[in-house]
Amino acid sequence: MEKEPWLDETALEKLYALGGEELVGKMIRLFLENVPKRIAAATNGEKSGDLRVVEQAAHSIQSSAGNLGASRLLATAVDLERAAGKQQAEQVSALLPRLQQTFEQVKSYLEEKKEKKP
């Protein structure tokens, strides 16, 4: 598969070097399980006007994205966390769909990588 511009494969390569396929598979599975929950929490927080919840969810997503080299998702989560922290509700509303879309792009790529060494 062609390298995707939103992923830094060197992060996955480092994880393979540290813990092999088992570690990478586990981290990808956790990422694919947890990020949708965090996106849902952020969306619910935005709908209820609780931007602190959005900020916390975005922070969690950026940690996970960074570990796997999902650079676009990381950048979007950073922007979302910053906007939520500054109580910029309109910016938060604009960033949430981008966060979801970027996750979907990363998700399909990582699902293929889950059990395969690069």
PDB file of N, CA and C in Angstrom:
ATOM      1  N   MET A   1       0.846  -1.183   0.000  1.00  0.00           N
ATOM      2  CA  MET A   1       0.000   0.000   0.000  1.00  0.00           C
ATOM      3  C   MET A   1       0.888   1.242   0.000  1.00  0.00           C
ATOM      4  N   GLU A   2       0.482   2.236  -0.722  1.00  0.00           N
ATOM      5  CA  GLU A   2       1.207   3.495  -0.802  1.00  0.00           C
ATOM      6  C   GLU A   2       1.199   4.192   0.554  1.00  0.00           C
ATOM      7  N   LYS A   3       2.305   4.837   0.879  1.00  0.00           N
ATOM      8  CA  LYS A   3       2.394   5.569   2.139  1.00  0.00           C
ATOM      9  C   LYS A   3       1.371   6.695   2.155  1.00  0.00           C
ATOM     10  N   GLU A   4       0.648   6.793   3.247  1.00  0.00           N
ATOM     11  CA  GLU A   4      -0.364   7.825   3.381  1.00  0.00           C
ATOM     12  C   GLU A   4       0.262   9.060   4.025  1.00  0.00           C
ATOM     13  N   PRO A   5      -0.033  10.240   3.512  1.00  0.00           N
ATOM     14  CA  PRO A   5       0.612  11.445   4.018  1.00  0.00           C
ATOM     15  C   PRO A   5       0.217  11.806   5.451  1.00  0.00           C
ATOM     16  N   TRP A   6      -0.854  11.244   5.964  1.00  0.00           N
ATOM     17  CA  TRP A   6      -1.267  11.586   7.319  1.00  0.00           C
ATOM     18  C   TRP A   6      -0.638  10.648   8.357  1.00  0.00           C
ATOM     19  N   LEU A   7       0.207   9.724   7.915  1.00  0.00           N
ATOM     20  CA  LEU A   7       0.843   8.791   8.840  1.00  0.00           C
ATOM     21  C   LEU A   7       2.356   8.857   8.732  1.00  0.00           C
ATOM     22  N   ASP A   8       2.997   8.795   9.867  1.00  0.00           N
ATOM     23  CA  ASP A   8       4.445   8.726   9.931  1.00  0.00           C
ATOM     24  C   ASP A   8       4.798   7.280  10.298  1.00  0.00           C
ATOM     25  N   GLU A   9       5.138   6.508   9.296  1.00  0.00           N
ATOM     26  CA  GLU A   9       5.384   5.085   9.529  1.00  0.00           C
ATOM     27  C   GLU A   9       6.601   4.811  10.400  1.00  0.00           C
ATOM     28  N   THR A  10       7.450   5.797  10.579  1.00  0.00           N
ATOM     29  CA  THR A  10       8.603   5.563  11.455  1.00  0.00           C
ATOM     30  C   THR A  10       8.154   5.290  12.889  1.00  0.00           C
ATOM     31  N   ALA A  11       7.016   5.854  13.286  1.00  0.00           N
ATOM     32  CA  ALA A  11       6.492   5.576  14.629  1.00  0.00           C
ATOM     33  C   ALA A  11       6.137   4.094  14.754  1.00  0.00           C
ATOM     34  N   LEU A  12       5.487   3.532  13.739  1.00  0.00           N
ATOM     35  CA  LEU A  12       5.165   2.102  13.770  1.00  0.00           C
ATOM     36  C   LEU A  12       6.428   1.253  13.738  1.00  0.00           C
ATOM     37  N   GLU A  13       7.390   1.668  12.952  1.00  0.00           N
ATOM     38  CA  GLU A  13       8.651   0.921  12.880  1.00  0.00           C
ATOM     39  C   GLU A  13       9.345   0.890  14.238  1.00  0.00           C
ATOM     40  N   LYS A  14       9.311   2.000  14.953  1.00  0.00           N
ATOM     41  CA  LYS A  14       9.906   2.051  16.294  1.00  0.00           C
ATOM     42  C   LYS A  14       9.163   1.114  17.252  1.00  0.00           C
ATOM     43  N   LEU A  15       7.842   1.083  17.141  1.00  0.00           N
ATOM     44  CA  LEU A  15       7.067   0.177  17.993  1.00  0.00           C
ATOM     45  C   LEU A  15       7.371  -1.283  17.675  1.00  0.00           C
ATOM     46  N   TYR A  16       7.501  -1.602  16.393  1.00  0.00           N
ATOM     47  CA  TYR A  16       7.885  -2.966  16.017  1.00  0.00           C
ATOM     48  C   TYR A  16       9.238  -3.314  16.615  1.00  0.00           C
ATOM     49  N   ALA A  17      10.175  -2.384  16.573  1.00  0.00           N
ATOM     50  CA  ALA A  17      11.511  -2.633  17.120  1.00  0.00           C
ATOM     51  C   ALA A  17      11.456  -2.836  18.630  1.00  0.00           C
ATOM     52  N   LEU A  18      10.560  -2.133  19.304  1.00  0.00           N
ATOM     53  CA  LEU A  18      10.438  -2.249  20.760  1.00  0.00           C
ATOM     54  C   LEU A  18       9.740  -3.530  21.207  1.00  0.00           C
ATOM     55  N   GLY A  19       8.644  -3.874  20.511  1.00  0.00           N
ATOM     56  CA  GLY A  19       7.843  -4.985  21.010  1.00  0.00           C
ATOM     57  C   GLY A  19       7.300  -5.937  19.979  1.00  0.00           C
ATOM     58  N   GLY A  20       7.697  -5.765  18.748  1.00  0.00           N
ATOM     59  CA  GLY A  20       7.268  -6.686  17.706  1.00  0.00           C
ATOM     60  C   GLY A  20       5.800  -6.561  17.354  1.00  0.00           C
ATOM     61  N   GLU A  21       5.349  -7.552  16.606  1.00  0.00           N
ATOM     62  CA  GLU A  21       3.973  -7.544  16.106  1.00  0.00           C
ATOM     63  C   GLU A  21       2.942  -7.565  17.216  1.00  0.00           C
ATOM     64  N   GLU A  22       3.253  -8.246  18.312  1.00  0.00           N
ATOM     65  CA  GLU A  22       2.290  -8.326  19.409  1.00  0.00           C
ATOM     66  C   GLU A  22       1.999  -6.942  19.995  1.00  0.00           C
ATOM     67  N   LEU A  23       3.048  -6.178  20.255  1.00  0.00           N
ATOM     68  CA  LEU A  23       2.870  -4.831  20.806  1.00  0.00           C
ATOM     69  C   LEU A  23       2.136  -3.929  19.820  1.00  0.00           C
ATOM     70  N   VAL A  24       2.561  -3.937  18.576  1.00  0.00           N
ATOM     71  CA  VAL A  24       1.930  -3.076  17.580  1.00  0.00           C
ATOM     72  C   VAL A  24       0.461  -3.445  17.398  1.00  0.00           C
ATOM     73  N   GLY A  25       0.190  -4.731  17.304  1.00  0.00           N
ATOM     74  CA  GLY A  25      -1.197  -5.179  17.162  1.00  0.00           C
ATOM     75  C   GLY A  25      -2.055  -4.735  18.329  1.00  0.00           C
ATOM     76  N   LYS A  26      -1.521  -4.873  19.535  1.00  0.00           N
ATOM     77  CA  LYS A  26      -2.265  -4.474  20.733  1.00  0.00           C
ATOM     78  C   LYS A  26      -2.514  -2.963  20.746  1.00  0.00           C
ATOM     79  N   MET A  27      -1.495  -2.187  20.409  1.00  0.00           N
ATOM     80  CA  MET A  27      -1.661  -0.732  20.414  1.00  0.00           C
ATOM     81  C   MET A  27      -2.659  -0.266  19.358  1.00  0.00           C
ATOM     82  N   ILE A  28      -2.618  -0.898  18.194  1.00  0.00           N
ATOM     83  CA  ILE A  28      -3.580  -0.539  17.151  1.00  0.00           C
ATOM     84  C   ILE A  28      -4.987  -0.918  17.584  1.00  0.00           C
ATOM     85  N   ARG A  29      -5.151  -2.112  18.145  1.00  0.00           N
ATOM     86  CA  ARG A  29      -6.485  -2.524  18.610  1.00  0.00           C
ATOM     87  C   ARG A  29      -7.026  -1.551  19.659  1.00  0.00           C
ATOM     88  N   LEU A  30      -6.187  -1.170  20.624  1.00  0.00           N
ATOM     89  CA  LEU A  30      -6.623  -0.220  21.653  1.00  0.00           C
ATOM     90  C   LEU A  30      -6.986   1.136  21.035  1.00  0.00           C
ATOM     91  N   PHE A  31      -6.177   1.578  20.094  1.00  0.00           N
ATOM     92  CA  PHE A  31      -6.442   2.835  19.394  1.00  0.00           C
ATOM     93  C   PHE A  31      -7.801   2.775  18.697  1.00  0.00           C
ATOM     94  N   LEU A  32      -8.042   1.689  17.963  1.00  0.00           N
ATOM     95  CA  LEU A  32      -9.290   1.560  17.203  1.00  0.00           C
ATOM     96  C   LEU A  32     -10.509   1.397  18.109  1.00  0.00           C
ATOM     97  N   GLU A  33     -10.303   0.904  19.308  1.00  0.00           N
ATOM     98  CA  GLU A  33     -11.397   0.782  20.278  1.00  0.00           C
ATOM     99  C   GLU A  33     -11.650   2.092  21.009  1.00  0.00           C
ATOM    100  N   ASN A  34     -10.583   2.775  21.396  1.00  0.00           N
ATOM    101  CA  ASN A  34     -10.713   3.928  22.283  1.00  0.00           C
ATOM    102  C   ASN A  34     -10.969   5.259  21.586  1.00  0.00           C
ATOM    103  N   VAL A  35     -10.385   5.473  20.432  1.00  0.00           N
ATOM    104  CA  VAL A  35     -10.565   6.776  19.781  1.00  0.00           C
ATOM    105  C   VAL A  35     -12.032   7.050  19.442  1.00  0.00           C
ATOM    106  N   PRO A  36     -12.790   6.084  18.918  1.00  0.00           N
ATOM    107  CA  PRO A  36     -14.212   6.385  18.677  1.00  0.00           C
ATOM    108  C   PRO A  36     -14.962   6.773  19.957  1.00  0.00           C
ATOM    109  N   LYS A  37     -14.585   6.181  21.076  1.00  0.00           N
ATOM    110  CA  LYS A  37     -15.209   6.553  22.360  1.00  0.00           C
ATOM    111  C   LYS A  37     -14.856   7.982  22.734  1.00  0.00           C
ATOM    112  N   ARG A  38     -13.613   8.373  22.487  1.00  0.00           N
ATOM    113  CA  ARG A  38     -13.174   9.738  22.802  1.00  0.00           C
ATOM    114  C   ARG A  38     -13.848  10.747  21.870  1.00  0.00           C
ATOM    115  N   ILE A  39     -13.997  10.374  20.604  1.00  0.00           N
ATOM    116  CA  ILE A  39     -14.686  11.267  19.664  1.00  0.00           C
ATOM    117  C   ILE A  39     -16.144  11.427  20.086  1.00  0.00           C
ATOM    118  N   ALA A  40     -16.773  10.338  20.503  1.00  0.00           N
ATOM    119  CA  ALA A  40     -18.159  10.412  20.979  1.00  0.00           C
ATOM    120  C   ALA A  40     -18.258  11.288  22.222  1.00  0.00           C
ATOM    121  N   ALA A  41     -17.309  11.155  23.140  1.00  0.00           N
ATOM    122  CA  ALA A  41     -17.307  11.982  24.347  1.00  0.00           C
ATOM    123  C   ALA A  41     -17.152  13.459  23.978  1.00  0.00           C
ATOM    124  N   ALA A  42     -16.245  13.744  23.031  1.00  0.00           N
ATOM    125  CA  ALA A  42     -16.042  15.123  22.600  1.00  0.00           C
ATOM    126  C   ALA A  42     -17.312  15.681  21.960  1.00  0.00           C
ATOM    127  N   THR A  43     -17.944  14.883  21.131  1.00  0.00           N
ATOM    128  CA  THR A  43     -19.175  15.311  20.467  1.00  0.00           C
ATOM    129  C   THR A  43     -20.276  15.579  21.485  1.00  0.00           C
ATOM    130  N   ASN A  44     -20.409  14.673  22.450  1.00  0.00           N
ATOM    131  CA  ASN A  44     -21.412  14.871  23.498  1.00  0.00           C
ATOM    132  C   ASN A  44     -21.102  16.094  24.349  1.00  0.00           C
ATOM    133  N   GLY A  45     -19.828  16.296  24.644  1.00  0.00           N
ATOM    134  CA  GLY A  45     -19.431  17.472  25.408  1.00  0.00           C
ATOM    135  C   GLY A  45     -19.754  18.756  24.657  1.00  0.00           C
ATOM    136  N   GLU A  46     -19.498  18.760  23.360  1.00  0.00           N
ATOM    137  CA  GLU A  46     -19.795  19.929  22.540  1.00  0.00           C
ATOM    138  C   GLU A  46     -21.296  20.199  22.515  1.00  0.00           C
ATOM    139  N   LYS A  47     -22.094  19.146  22.361  1.00  0.00           N
ATOM    140  CA  LYS A  47     -23.551  19.308  22.318  1.00  0.00           C
ATOM    141  C   LYS A  47     -24.112  19.830  23.631  1.00  0.00           C
ATOM    142  N   SER A  48     -23.506  19.397  24.743  1.00  0.00           N
ATOM    143  CA  SER A  48     -23.999  19.828  26.048  1.00  0.00           C
ATOM    144  C   SER A  48     -23.346  21.130  26.518  1.00  0.00           C
ATOM    145  N   GLY A  49     -22.403  21.633  25.742  1.00  0.00           N
ATOM    146  CA  GLY A  49     -21.741  22.875  26.109  1.00  0.00           C
ATOM    147  C   GLY A  49     -20.621  22.704  27.117  1.00  0.00           C
ATOM    148  N   ASP A  50     -20.216  21.463  27.369  1.00  0.00           N
ATOM    149  CA  ASP A  50     -19.141  21.197  28.329  1.00  0.00           C
ATOM    150  C   ASP A  50     -17.825  21.035  27.574  1.00  0.00           C
ATOM    151  N   LEU A  51     -17.174  22.144  27.300  1.00  0.00           N
ATOM    152  CA  LEU A  51     -15.957  22.106  26.505  1.00  0.00           C
ATOM    153  C   LEU A  51     -14.775  21.514  27.266  1.00  0.00           C
ATOM    154  N   ARG A  52     -14.882  21.399  28.574  1.00  0.00           N
ATOM    155  CA  ARG A  52     -13.830  20.722  29.351  1.00  0.00           C
ATOM    156  C   ARG A  52     -13.785  19.239  28.962  1.00  0.00           C
ATOM    157  N   VAL A  53     -14.939  18.638  28.742  1.00  0.00           N
ATOM    158  CA  VAL A  53     -15.004  17.246  28.296  1.00  0.00           C
ATOM    159  C   VAL A  53     -14.358  17.110  26.917  1.00  0.00           C
ATOM    160  N   VAL A  54     -14.631  18.059  26.050  1.00  0.00           N
ATOM    161  CA  VAL A  54     -14.034  18.068  24.704  1.00  0.00           C
ATOM    162  C   VAL A  54     -12.513  18.163  24.825  1.00  0.00           C
ATOM    163  N   GLU A  55     -12.058  19.062  25.674  1.00  0.00           N
ATOM    164  CA  GLU A  55     -10.624  19.260  25.868  1.00  0.00           C
ATOM    165  C   GLU A  55      -9.947  17.970  26.354  1.00  0.00           C
ATOM    166  N   GLN A  56     -10.550  17.305  27.311  1.00  0.00           N
ATOM    167  CA  GLN A  56      -9.980  16.061  27.849  1.00  0.00           C
ATOM    168  C   GLN A  56      -9.965  14.958  26.795  1.00  0.00           C
ATOM    169  N   ALA A  57     -11.041  14.829  26.043  1.00  0.00           N
ATOM    170  CA  ALA A  57     -11.111  13.799  25.000  1.00  0.00           C
ATOM    171  C   ALA A  57     -10.062  14.053  23.921  1.00  0.00           C
ATOM    172  N   ALA A  58      -9.920  15.304  23.523  1.00  0.00           N
ATOM    173  CA  ALA A  58      -8.937  15.651  22.495  1.00  0.00           C
ATOM    174  C   ALA A  58      -7.523  15.367  22.976  1.00  0.00           C
ATOM    175  N   HIS A  59      -7.256  15.637  24.245  1.00  0.00           N
ATOM    176  CA  HIS A  59      -5.929  15.360  24.800  1.00  0.00           C
ATOM    177  C   HIS A  59      -5.614  13.862  24.745  1.00  0.00           C
ATOM    178  N   SER A  60      -6.585  13.059  25.092  1.00  0.00           N
ATOM    179  CA  SER A  60      -6.411  11.607  25.043  1.00  0.00           C
ATOM    180  C   SER A  60      -6.156  11.123  23.620  1.00  0.00           C
ATOM    181  N   ILE A  61      -6.885  11.674  22.667  1.00  0.00           N
ATOM    182  CA  ILE A  61      -6.719  11.283  21.261  1.00  0.00           C
ATOM    183  C   ILE A  61      -5.323  11.642  20.770  1.00  0.00           C
ATOM    184  N   GLN A  62      -4.834  12.812  21.140  1.00  0.00           N
ATOM    185  CA  GLN A  62      -3.519  13.200  20.635  1.00  0.00           C
ATOM    186  C   GLN A  62      -2.423  12.306  21.170  1.00  0.00           C
ATOM    187  N   SER A  63      -2.539  11.838  22.383  1.00  0.00           N
ATOM    188  CA  SER A  63      -1.541  10.905  22.915  1.00  0.00           C
ATOM    189  C   SER A  63      -1.531   9.611  22.115  1.00  0.00           C
ATOM    190  N   SER A  64      -2.711   9.076  21.883  1.00  0.00           N
ATOM    191  CA  SER A  64      -2.821   7.824  21.126  1.00  0.00           C
ATOM    192  C   SER A  64      -2.340   8.000  19.690  1.00  0.00           C
ATOM    193  N   ALA A  65      -2.737   9.083  19.069  1.00  0.00           N
ATOM    194  CA  ALA A  65      -2.351   9.338  17.680  1.00  0.00           C
ATOM    195  C   ALA A  65      -0.840   9.501  17.560  1.00  0.00           C
ATOM    196  N   GLY A  66      -0.252  10.186  18.505  1.00  0.00           N
ATOM    197  CA  GLY A  66       1.193  10.386  18.480  1.00  0.00           C
ATOM    198  C   GLY A  66       1.961   9.089  18.582  1.00  0.00           C
ATOM    199  N   ASN A  67       1.490   8.185  19.427  1.00  0.00           N
ATOM    200  CA  ASN A  67       2.163   6.896  19.592  1.00  0.00           C
ATOM    201  C   ASN A  67       2.209   6.095  18.301  1.00  0.00           C
ATOM    202  N   LEU A  68       1.183   6.235  17.461  1.00  0.00           N
ATOM    203  CA  LEU A  68       1.105   5.452  16.229  1.00  0.00           C
ATOM    204  C   LEU A  68       1.510   6.235  14.984  1.00  0.00           C
ATOM    205  N   GLY A  69       1.911   7.479  15.157  1.00  0.00           N
ATOM    206  CA  GLY A  69       2.358   8.268  14.021  1.00  0.00           C
ATOM    207  C   GLY A  69       1.241   8.837  13.175  1.00  0.00           C
ATOM    208  N   ALA A  70       0.044   8.926  13.735  1.00  0.00           N
ATOM    209  CA  ALA A  70      -1.098   9.488  13.006  1.00  0.00           C
ATOM    210  C   ALA A  70      -1.024  11.012  13.109  1.00  0.00           C
ATOM    211  N   SER A  71      -0.162  11.603  12.312  1.00  0.00           N
ATOM    212  CA  SER A  71       0.186  13.016  12.473  1.00  0.00           C
ATOM    213  C   SER A  71      -0.967  13.979  12.186  1.00  0.00           C
ATOM    214  N   ARG A  72      -1.783  13.702  11.197  1.00  0.00           N
ATOM    215  CA  ARG A  72      -2.917  14.602  10.927  1.00  0.00           C
ATOM    216  C   ARG A  72      -3.951  14.529  12.036  1.00  0.00           C
ATOM    217  N   LEU A  73      -4.198  13.332  12.525  1.00  0.00           N
ATOM    218  CA  LEU A  73      -5.138  13.181  13.627  1.00  0.00           C
ATOM    219  C   LEU A  73      -4.591  13.889  14.865  1.00  0.00           C
ATOM    220  N   LEU A  74      -3.317  13.739  15.109  1.00  0.00           N
ATOM    221  CA  LEU A  74      -2.665  14.415  16.231  1.00  0.00           C
ATOM    222  C   LEU A  74      -2.834  15.929  16.110  1.00  0.00           C
ATOM    223  N   ALA A  75      -2.548  16.475  14.936  1.00  0.00           N
ATOM    224  CA  ALA A  75      -2.652  17.924  14.736  1.00  0.00           C
ATOM    225  C   ALA A  75      -4.083  18.419  14.940  1.00  0.00           C
ATOM    226  N   THR A  76      -5.047  17.662  14.446  1.00  0.00           N
ATOM    227  CA  THR A  76      -6.448  18.059  14.609  1.00  0.00           C
ATOM    228  C   THR A  76      -6.848  18.001  16.076  1.00  0.00           C
ATOM    229  N   ALA A  77      -6.401  16.975  16.777  1.00  0.00           N
ATOM    230  CA  ALA A  77      -6.711  16.857  18.204  1.00  0.00           C
ATOM    231  C   ALA A  77      -6.068  17.992  19.001  1.00  0.00           C
ATOM    232  N   VAL A  78      -4.856  18.386  18.628  1.00  0.00           N
ATOM    233  CA  VAL A  78      -4.194  19.522  19.289  1.00  0.00           C
ATOM    234  C   VAL A  78      -5.019  20.790  19.077  1.00  0.00           C
ATOM    235  N   ASP A  79      -5.448  21.027  17.842  1.00  0.00           N
ATOM    236  CA  ASP A  79      -6.269  22.206  17.543  1.00  0.00           C
ATOM    237  C   ASP A  79      -7.574  22.177  18.333  1.00  0.00           C
ATOM    238  N   LEU A  80      -8.186  21.003  18.414  1.00  0.00           N
ATOM    239  CA  LEU A  80      -9.449  20.862  19.139  1.00  0.00           C
ATOM    240  C   LEU A  80      -9.246  21.100  20.631  1.00  0.00           C
ATOM    241  N   GLU A  81      -8.201  20.526  21.196  1.00  0.00           N
ATOM    242  CA  GLU A  81      -7.933  20.732  22.621  1.00  0.00           C
ATOM    243  C   GLU A  81      -7.717  22.217  22.922  1.00  0.00           C
ATOM    244  N   ARG A  82      -6.952  22.865  22.068  1.00  0.00           N
ATOM    245  CA  ARG A  82      -6.663  24.296  22.256  1.00  0.00           C
ATOM    246  C   ARG A  82      -7.954  25.118  22.178  1.00  0.00           C
ATOM    247  N   ALA A  83      -8.779  24.852  21.172  1.00  0.00           N
ATOM    248  CA  ALA A  83     -10.029  25.599  21.014  1.00  0.00           C
ATOM    249  C   ALA A  83     -10.966  25.369  22.202  1.00  0.00           C
ATOM    250  N   ALA A  84     -11.051  24.124  22.640  1.00  0.00           N
ATOM    251  CA  ALA A  84     -11.917  23.817  23.788  1.00  0.00           C
ATOM    252  C   ALA A  84     -11.388  24.487  25.055  1.00  0.00           C
ATOM    253  N   GLY A  85     -10.085  24.469  25.235  1.00  0.00           N
ATOM    254  CA  GLY A  85      -9.492  25.108  26.400  1.00  0.00           C
ATOM    255  C   GLY A  85      -9.730  26.603  26.440  1.00  0.00           C
ATOM    256  N   LYS A  86      -9.828  27.214  25.262  1.00  0.00           N
ATOM    257  CA  LYS A  86     -10.086  28.656  25.170  1.00  0.00           C
ATOM    258  C   LYS A  86     -11.590  28.959  25.100  1.00  0.00           C
ATOM    259  N   GLN A  87     -12.414  27.912  25.248  1.00  0.00           N
ATOM    260  CA  GLN A  87     -13.875  28.046  25.213  1.00  0.00           C
ATOM    261  C   GLN A  87     -14.370  28.622  23.885  1.00  0.00           C
ATOM    262  N   GLN A  88     -13.745  28.218  22.795  1.00  0.00           N
ATOM    263  CA  GLN A  88     -14.124  28.676  21.454  1.00  0.00           C
ATOM    264  C   GLN A  88     -15.096  27.658  20.843  1.00  0.00           C
ATOM    265  N   ALA A  89     -16.345  27.770  21.228  1.00  0.00           N
ATOM    266  CA  ALA A  89     -17.360  26.785  20.847  1.00  0.00           C
ATOM    267  C   ALA A  89     -17.528  26.650  19.334  1.00  0.00           C
ATOM    268  N   GLU A  90     -17.487  27.755  18.604  1.00  0.00           N
ATOM    269  CA  GLU A  90     -17.653  27.672  17.151  1.00  0.00           C
ATOM    270  C   GLU A  90     -16.501  26.913  16.506  1.00  0.00           C
ATOM    271  N   GLN A  91     -15.298  27.167  16.972  1.00  0.00           N
ATOM    272  CA  GLN A  91     -14.123  26.462  16.449  1.00  0.00           C
ATOM    273  C   GLN A  91     -14.209  24.974  16.784  1.00  0.00           C
ATOM    274  N   VAL A  92     -14.651  24.652  17.992  1.00  0.00           N
ATOM    275  CA  VAL A  92     -14.818  23.251  18.394  1.00  0.00           C
ATOM    276  C   VAL A  92     -15.801  22.569  17.461  1.00  0.00           C
ATOM    277  N   SER A  93     -16.925  23.219  17.196  1.00  0.00           N
ATOM    278  CA  SER A  93     -17.941  22.650  16.303  1.00  0.00           C
ATOM    279  C   SER A  93     -17.392  22.413  14.898  1.00  0.00           C
ATOM    280  N   ALA A  94     -16.511  23.285  14.451  1.00  0.00           N
ATOM    281  CA  ALA A  94     -15.923  23.130  13.118  1.00  0.00           C
ATOM    282  C   ALA A  94     -14.877  22.015  13.082  1.00  0.00           C
ATOM    283  N   LEU A  95     -14.178  21.806  14.183  1.00  0.00           N
ATOM    284  CA  LEU A  95     -13.094  20.816  14.206  1.00  0.00           C
ATOM    285  C   LEU A  95     -13.574  19.380  14.412  1.00  0.00           C
ATOM    286  N   LEU A  96     -14.693  19.197  15.078  1.00  0.00           N
ATOM    287  CA  LEU A  96     -15.153  17.823  15.362  1.00  0.00           C
ATOM    288  C   LEU A  96     -15.373  16.986  14.110  1.00  0.00           C
ATOM    289  N   PRO A  97     -16.025  17.505  13.064  1.00  0.00           N
ATOM    290  CA  PRO A  97     -16.172  16.684  11.850  1.00  0.00           C
ATOM    291  C   PRO A  97     -14.827  16.342  11.209  1.00  0.00           C
ATOM    292  N   ARG A  98     -13.886  17.269  11.246  1.00  0.00           N
ATOM    293  CA  ARG A  98     -12.556  17.006  10.690  1.00  0.00           C
ATOM    294  C   ARG A  98     -11.855  15.913  11.502  1.00  0.00           C
ATOM    295  N   LEU A  99     -12.034  15.947  12.816  1.00  0.00           N
ATOM    296  CA  LEU A  99     -11.447  14.912  13.670  1.00  0.00           C
ATOM    297  C   LEU A  99     -11.996  13.539  13.291  1.00  0.00           C
ATOM    298  N   GLN A 100     -13.300  13.439  13.129  1.00  0.00           N
ATOM    299  CA  GLN A 100     -13.940  12.176  12.757  1.00  0.00           C
ATOM    300  C   GLN A 100     -13.459  11.702  11.392  1.00  0.00           C
ATOM    301  N   GLN A 101     -13.414  12.598  10.437  1.00  0.00           N
ATOM    302  CA  GLN A 101     -12.997  12.235   9.078  1.00  0.00           C
ATOM    303  C   GLN A 101     -11.544  11.759   9.060  1.00  0.00           C
ATOM    304  N   THR A 102     -10.691  12.452   9.766  1.00  0.00           N
ATOM    305  CA  THR A 102      -9.280  12.072   9.811  1.00  0.00           C
ATOM    306  C   THR A 102      -9.116  10.726  10.495  1.00  0.00           C
ATOM    307  N   PHE A 103      -9.873  10.487  11.550  1.00  0.00           N
ATOM    308  CA  PHE A 103      -9.815   9.183  12.206  1.00  0.00           C
ATOM    309  C   PHE A 103     -10.224   8.078  11.242  1.00  0.00           C
ATOM    310  N   GLU A 104     -11.264   8.285  10.461  1.00  0.00           N
ATOM    311  CA  GLU A 104     -11.721   7.263   9.515  1.00  0.00           C
ATOM    312  C   GLU A 104     -10.626   6.931   8.502  1.00  0.00           C
ATOM    313  N   GLN A 105      -9.888   7.929   8.066  1.00  0.00           N
ATOM    314  CA  GLN A 105      -8.794   7.689   7.128  1.00  0.00           C
ATOM    315  C   GLN A 105      -7.697   6.846   7.778  1.00  0.00           C
ATOM    316  N   VAL A 106      -7.340   7.207   8.971  1.00  0.00           N
ATOM    317  CA  VAL A 106      -6.292   6.487   9.694  1.00  0.00           C
ATOM    318  C   VAL A 106      -6.758   5.070  10.036  1.00  0.00           C
ATOM    319  N   LYS A 107      -8.004   4.947  10.421  1.00  0.00           N
ATOM    320  CA  LYS A 107      -8.569   3.661  10.837  1.00  0.00           C
ATOM    321  C   LYS A 107      -8.418   2.598   9.750  1.00  0.00           C
ATOM    322  N   SER A 108      -8.808   2.922   8.521  1.00  0.00           N
ATOM    323  CA  SER A 108      -8.740   1.900   7.480  1.00  0.00           C
ATOM    324  C   SER A 108      -7.296   1.468   7.220  1.00  0.00           C
ATOM    325  N   TYR A 109      -6.375   2.388   7.304  1.00  0.00           N
ATOM    326  CA  TYR A 109      -4.966   2.039   7.104  1.00  0.00           C
ATOM    327  C   TYR A 109      -4.460   1.169   8.260  1.00  0.00           C
ATOM    328  N   LEU A 110      -4.767   1.555   9.478  1.00  0.00           N
ATOM    329  CA  LEU A 110      -4.262   0.803  10.635  1.00  0.00           C
ATOM    330  C   LEU A 110      -4.891  -0.583  10.754  1.00  0.00           C
ATOM    331  N   GLU A 111      -6.127  -0.722  10.316  1.00  0.00           N
ATOM    332  CA  GLU A 111      -6.752  -2.046  10.357  1.00  0.00           C
ATOM    333  C   GLU A 111      -5.956  -3.043   9.528  1.00  0.00           C
ATOM    334  N   GLU A 112      -5.404  -2.581   8.418  1.00  0.00           N
ATOM    335  CA  GLU A 112      -4.572  -3.452   7.590  1.00  0.00           C
ATOM    336  C   GLU A 112      -3.234  -3.742   8.259  1.00  0.00           C
ATOM    337  N   LYS A 113      -2.732  -2.799   9.011  1.00  0.00           N
ATOM    338  CA  LYS A 113      -1.431  -2.933   9.657  1.00  0.00           C
ATOM    339  C   LYS A 113      -1.479  -3.763  10.941  1.00  0.00           C
ATOM    340  N   LYS A 114      -2.663  -3.975  11.462  1.00  0.00           N
ATOM    341  CA  LYS A 114      -2.826  -4.577  12.776  1.00  0.00           C
ATOM    342  C   LYS A 114      -2.011  -5.852  12.983  1.00  0.00           C
ATOM    343  N   GLU A 115      -1.977  -6.692  12.006  1.00  0.00           N
ATOM    344  CA  GLU A 115      -1.296  -7.965  12.146  1.00  0.00           C
ATOM    345  C   GLU A 115      -0.076  -8.112  11.231  1.00  0.00           C
ATOM    346  N   LYS A 116       0.268  -7.032  10.534  1.00  0.00           N
ATOM    347  CA  LYS A 116       1.359  -7.145   9.554  1.00  0.00           C
ATOM    348  C   LYS A 116       2.533  -6.257   9.944  1.00  0.00           C
ATOM    349  N   LYS A 117       3.700  -6.743   9.728  1.00  0.00           N
ATOM    350  CA  LYS A 117       4.911  -5.943   9.918  1.00  0.00           C
ATOM    351  C   LYS A 117       5.124  -5.098   8.670  1.00  0.00           C
ATOM    352  N   PRO A 118       5.551  -3.808   8.834  1.00  0.00           N
ATOM    353  CA  PRO A 118       5.732  -2.960   7.645  1.00  0.00           C
ATOM    354  C   PRO A 118       6.853  -3.462   6.755  1.00  0.00           C
TER     355      PRO A 118
END
